[in-house]
Amino acid sequence: MSGSQELKKYQLQWRPTFPYSPAGQTGVRMYVIGEKSIYTGQDYQNLSRFDEPSAASQADQTRQRGATSGVPQSTSIGISTNPSNTSLNDLVELGSNTTLILPFNNSVALAEEYTPRYKNKVIEYESLGGNSVTTFGQGIKKIGLKIRIIRAGRNWEIYQKGVEAISYLSGNQSRYPGSLYLIGYDQFADGTESVSGRYKVIVNTLDYAYRSSENTSVHAMLEMTVLHDYGHKKSAKNRKWGAL
């Protein structure tokens, strides 16, 4: 699968403000959490998959360095491809200069639903003399995303760490500047898909639900504040939400 196809999945996408730049050159790097897929390129329109040398050639390099631990567990560009050896801190630090893609509706992580919430700024006055209502336009838009992570093998662990890492990065933009996007797709009966929503968001809360009656999956609920809704008027994407 190409890098452009990865960007068209149902996903949470974290983009750092200062992307990876090898040797001072311009460029971007993208890591698909849980799928061991790494893409590099000059920009997001020209991403090619980064392929490591074969295990045999890696073993030769290891022997030349005099190491005895066998084939390394990380790539030559410093990204671990082993879910068991990838910690939450590794993903957070990686997000400082690498785009992180958390794909949904695969064999492990399911985005069961997302719920946009609109509200108006309404002030109600109740007095003995009578009641009055004053309105001040549209309030801040929020969106909820319900996630189900299936505990299959060890791969589900990196998806859970990925959700937590993206939540942490979104809430610490003074330390890790960047932008978080939720991209949703509607799938039709004939198998085709159409983008149904693209939001620039900030994570407010991440709630987990562990059920004693069900130990085969983990349920998570993300509540996010919408900064820009790209699904309505693209010309208004830089306006404050609620401004006409």
Protein backbone atom coordinates (compact mmCIF):
# COMPACT_ATOMS: atom_id res chain seq x y z
CA MET A 1 0.00 0.00 0.00
CA SER A 2 1.30 3.47 -0.90
CA GLY A 3 1.66 6.40 1.47
CA SER A 4 -1.19 8.28 -0.21
CA GLN A 5 -3.51 5.31 0.36
CA GLU A 6 -2.55 5.17 4.04
CA LEU A 7 -3.64 8.80 4.39
CA LYS A 8 -7.11 7.92 3.09
CA LYS A 9 -7.96 5.44 5.84
CA TYR A 10 -10.41 5.98 8.70
CA GLN A 11 -7.88 7.27 11.20
CA LEU A 12 -6.56 9.60 13.84
CA GLN A 13 -3.59 11.45 12.38
CA TRP A 14 -0.99 13.39 14.35
CA ARG A 15 1.18 15.78 12.33
CA PRO A 16 4.13 17.50 14.06
CA THR A 17 4.78 21.14 13.30
CA PHE A 18 8.48 20.44 12.75
CA PRO A 19 8.67 17.17 10.80
CA TYR A 20 11.63 14.85 10.42
CA SER A 21 14.34 16.36 8.24
CA PRO A 22 17.35 14.15 7.50
CA ALA A 23 20.71 15.98 7.41
CA GLY A 24 18.97 19.34 7.43
CA GLN A 25 16.96 18.59 4.31
CA THR A 26 13.22 19.06 4.00
CA GLY A 27 11.13 15.95 4.21
CA VAL A 28 8.47 14.06 6.16
CA ARG A 29 8.29 10.67 7.82
CA MET A 30 5.12 8.72 8.63
CA TYR A 31 4.61 5.71 10.91
CA VAL A 32 1.44 3.58 10.82
CA ILE A 33 0.91 2.32 14.37
CA GLY A 34 0.31 -1.41 14.63
CA GLU A 35 1.16 -2.19 11.02
CA LYS A 36 4.95 -1.74 11.13
CA SER A 37 4.71 0.52 8.06
CA ILE A 38 7.12 3.42 7.70
CA TYR A 39 6.97 5.96 4.86
CA THR A 40 9.41 8.73 3.97
CA GLY A 41 9.40 11.44 1.31
CA GLN A 42 9.80 15.10 0.49
CA ASP A 43 6.11 15.81 1.20
CA TYR A 44 2.84 14.00 1.98
CA GLN A 45 1.96 13.68 -1.70
CA ASN A 46 5.15 11.73 -2.45
CA LEU A 47 5.60 9.19 0.30
CA SER A 48 7.31 5.89 -0.42
CA ARG A 49 7.54 2.90 1.87
CA PHE A 50 10.77 2.49 3.78
CA ASP A 51 11.98 -1.10 3.41
CA GLU A 52 14.60 -2.48 5.73
CA PRO A 53 17.31 -4.80 4.41
CA SER A 54 16.56 -8.50 4.63
CA ALA A 55 17.13 -10.41 7.86
CA ALA A 56 20.22 -12.09 6.35
CA SER A 57 21.86 -8.77 5.46
CA GLN A 58 20.97 -7.37 8.89
CA ALA A 59 22.59 -10.41 10.49
CA ASP A 60 25.73 -9.80 8.42
CA GLN A 61 25.81 -6.18 9.58
CA THR A 62 25.35 -7.33 13.16
CA ARG A 63 28.27 -9.76 12.91
CA GLN A 64 30.43 -7.04 11.37
CA ARG A 65 29.72 -4.81 14.37
CA GLY A 66 30.63 -7.65 16.68
CA ALA A 67 27.20 -7.80 18.32
CA THR A 68 25.84 -11.08 19.68
CA SER A 69 22.20 -10.21 20.30
CA GLY A 70 21.02 -11.14 16.81
CA VAL A 71 18.90 -9.09 14.43
CA PRO A 72 18.09 -5.61 15.82
CA GLN A 73 14.50 -4.84 16.75
CA SER A 74 14.48 -1.32 15.28
CA THR A 75 15.02 0.10 11.83
CA SER A 76 18.08 2.03 10.74
CA ILE A 77 16.08 5.26 11.07
CA GLY A 78 15.37 4.64 14.74
CA ILE A 79 11.77 3.35 14.74
CA SER A 80 10.99 0.10 16.50
CA THR A 81 8.91 -2.38 14.51
CA ASN A 82 8.31 -4.75 17.42
CA PRO A 83 5.08 -3.96 19.34
CA SER A 84 6.36 -5.77 22.42
CA ASN A 85 9.41 -3.50 22.64
CA THR A 86 7.63 -0.23 21.88
CA SER A 87 6.76 1.81 24.96
CA LEU A 88 4.35 4.72 25.33
CA ASN A 89 7.31 7.06 25.74
CA ASP A 90 8.82 5.78 22.47
CA LEU A 91 5.66 6.71 20.56
CA VAL A 92 5.42 10.12 22.24
CA GLU A 93 9.03 10.99 21.40
CA LEU A 94 8.54 9.68 17.87
CA GLY A 95 5.55 12.01 17.47
CA SER A 96 7.80 15.04 18.02
CA ASN A 97 9.05 14.80 14.41
CA THR A 98 7.11 11.97 12.74
CA THR A 99 3.51 11.80 11.56
CA LEU A 100 1.64 9.09 13.48
CA ILE A 101 -1.28 7.29 11.84
CA LEU A 102 -3.66 5.31 14.06
CA PRO A 103 -5.81 3.38 11.54
CA PHE A 104 -9.28 2.09 12.40
CA ASN A 105 -11.63 -0.62 11.18
CA ASN A 106 -8.89 -3.18 10.74
CA SER A 107 -8.54 -6.55 12.47
CA VAL A 108 -7.61 -5.02 15.85
CA ALA A 109 -8.95 -1.48 16.28
CA LEU A 110 -12.54 -0.58 15.43
CA ALA A 111 -14.01 2.92 15.39
CA GLU A 112 -17.57 2.02 16.30
CA GLU A 113 -19.02 5.51 16.02
CA TYR A 114 -18.20 9.18 16.23
CA THR A 115 -20.69 11.69 17.55
CA PRO A 116 -20.44 15.40 16.70
CA ARG A 117 -22.15 17.64 19.25
CA TYR A 118 -23.38 21.12 18.39
CA LYS A 119 -24.54 23.58 20.99
CA ASN A 120 -25.52 27.23 21.17
CA LYS A 121 -24.48 29.83 23.73
CA VAL A 122 -27.78 30.31 25.53
CA ILE A 123 -28.30 32.14 28.83
CA GLU A 124 -31.59 31.67 30.62
CA TYR A 125 -32.85 34.24 33.13
CA GLU A 126 -35.53 33.17 35.57
CA SER A 127 -37.11 35.83 37.77
CA LEU A 128 -40.38 36.50 39.57
CA GLY A 129 -41.36 39.03 36.96
CA GLY A 130 -40.87 36.69 34.02
CA ASN A 131 -38.37 34.61 32.16
CA SER A 132 -36.08 35.64 29.32
CA VAL A 133 -33.54 33.91 27.11
CA THR A 134 -30.48 35.55 25.53
CA THR A 135 -28.49 33.85 22.76
CA PHE A 136 -24.93 34.56 21.63
CA GLY A 137 -24.51 32.33 18.59
CA GLN A 138 -22.92 28.95 18.24
CA GLY A 139 -20.87 27.39 21.02
CA ILE A 140 -17.75 25.29 20.77
CA LYS A 141 -18.27 22.08 18.80
CA LYS A 142 -17.19 18.79 20.33
CA ILE A 143 -16.95 15.29 18.95
CA GLY A 144 -16.82 11.90 20.62
CA LEU A 145 -15.10 8.84 19.18
CA LYS A 146 -15.87 5.36 20.47
CA ILE A 147 -13.03 2.88 19.94
CA ARG A 148 -12.94 -0.87 20.47
CA ILE A 149 -9.54 -2.60 20.58
CA ILE A 150 -9.66 -6.39 20.22
CA ARG A 151 -7.14 -8.20 22.37
CA ALA A 152 -5.63 -10.40 19.68
CA GLY A 153 -2.08 -11.61 20.32
CA ARG A 154 0.28 -8.84 21.44
CA ASN A 155 -0.49 -6.39 18.64
CA TRP A 156 -3.45 -4.81 20.48
CA GLU A 157 -1.04 -3.37 23.05
CA ILE A 158 0.58 -0.99 20.59
CA TYR A 159 -2.86 0.25 19.47
CA GLN A 160 -3.73 1.09 23.06
CA LYS A 161 -0.36 2.81 23.51
CA GLY A 162 -1.01 4.66 20.25
CA VAL A 163 -4.32 6.06 21.52
CA GLU A 164 -2.65 7.19 24.74
CA ALA A 165 0.34 8.69 22.89
CA ILE A 166 -1.86 10.70 20.53
CA SER A 167 -3.93 11.92 23.48
CA TYR A 168 -0.77 12.99 25.30
CA LEU A 169 0.70 14.74 22.25
CA SER A 170 -2.55 16.61 21.65
CA GLY A 171 -2.65 17.86 25.23
CA ASN A 172 1.01 18.97 25.37
CA GLN A 173 1.41 21.14 22.32
CA SER A 174 3.72 23.57 24.08
CA ARG A 175 6.24 20.73 24.32
CA TYR A 176 5.21 18.77 21.22
CA PRO A 177 3.77 21.29 18.72
CA GLY A 178 1.56 19.74 16.09
CA SER A 179 -1.99 19.12 14.88
CA LEU A 180 -4.38 16.21 15.37
CA TYR A 181 -6.95 15.24 12.74
CA LEU A 182 -9.88 12.83 12.80
CA ILE A 183 -10.73 11.55 9.34
CA GLY A 184 -13.91 9.50 9.04
CA TYR A 185 -15.19 7.47 6.11
CA ASP A 186 -18.62 6.06 5.31
CA GLN A 187 -18.56 2.58 3.77
CA PHE A 188 -21.35 1.59 1.41
CA ALA A 189 -22.83 -1.80 0.61
CA ASP A 190 -20.84 -2.13 -2.63
CA GLY A 191 -17.57 -1.75 -0.73
CA THR A 192 -16.81 1.81 -1.83
CA GLU A 193 -15.96 4.50 0.67
CA SER A 194 -16.56 8.23 0.82
CA VAL A 195 -15.03 10.71 3.23
CA SER A 196 -17.72 11.82 5.65
CA GLY A 197 -15.81 14.12 7.95
CA ARG A 198 -12.42 15.69 8.47
CA TYR A 199 -11.84 17.53 11.71
CA LYS A 200 -8.88 19.25 13.31
CA VAL A 201 -9.30 18.44 16.99
CA ILE A 202 -7.76 18.54 20.45
CA VAL A 203 -8.31 15.67 22.89
CA ASN A 204 -10.11 16.66 26.09
CA THR A 205 -10.54 13.29 27.78
CA LEU A 206 -9.71 9.64 27.17
CA ASP A 207 -11.87 7.15 29.08
CA TYR A 208 -11.37 3.40 29.18
CA ALA A 209 -14.04 0.82 30.02
CA TYR A 210 -12.96 -2.59 31.28
CA ARG A 211 -15.75 -5.12 31.70
CA SER A 212 -15.46 -8.21 33.88
CA SER A 213 -17.92 -9.99 31.60
CA GLU A 214 -15.81 -9.28 28.51
CA ASN A 215 -12.05 -9.71 28.59
CA THR A 216 -11.49 -9.99 24.84
CA SER A 217 -11.56 -6.26 24.07
CA VAL A 218 -10.84 -2.82 25.50
CA HIS A 219 -13.31 0.03 24.99
CA ALA A 220 -12.10 3.62 24.83
CA MET A 221 -13.98 6.89 24.47
CA LEU A 222 -12.24 10.01 23.20
CA GLU A 223 -13.90 13.39 23.69
CA MET A 224 -12.38 16.09 21.51
CA THR A 225 -12.86 19.79 20.86
CA VAL A 226 -13.16 20.73 17.19
CA LEU A 227 -10.86 23.52 16.01
CA HIS A 228 -11.74 23.32 12.30
CA ASP A 229 -14.44 21.37 10.48
CA TYR A 230 -13.22 20.80 6.93
CA GLY A 231 -16.43 19.03 5.93
CA HIS A 232 -18.54 22.18 5.57
CA LYS A 233 -16.99 25.21 3.91
CA LYS A 234 -13.37 24.82 2.93
CA SER A 235 -13.11 28.58 2.42
CA ALA A 236 -13.92 29.08 6.11
CA LYS A 237 -11.39 26.58 7.46
CA ASN A 238 -9.26 29.33 9.03
CA ARG A 239 -12.14 31.03 10.81
CA LYS A 240 -12.97 30.56 14.45
CA TRP A 241 -15.65 27.93 14.94
CA GLY A 242 -19.09 29.47 15.09
CA ALA A 243 -18.19 32.60 13.09
CA LEU A 244 -20.39 33.21 10.03
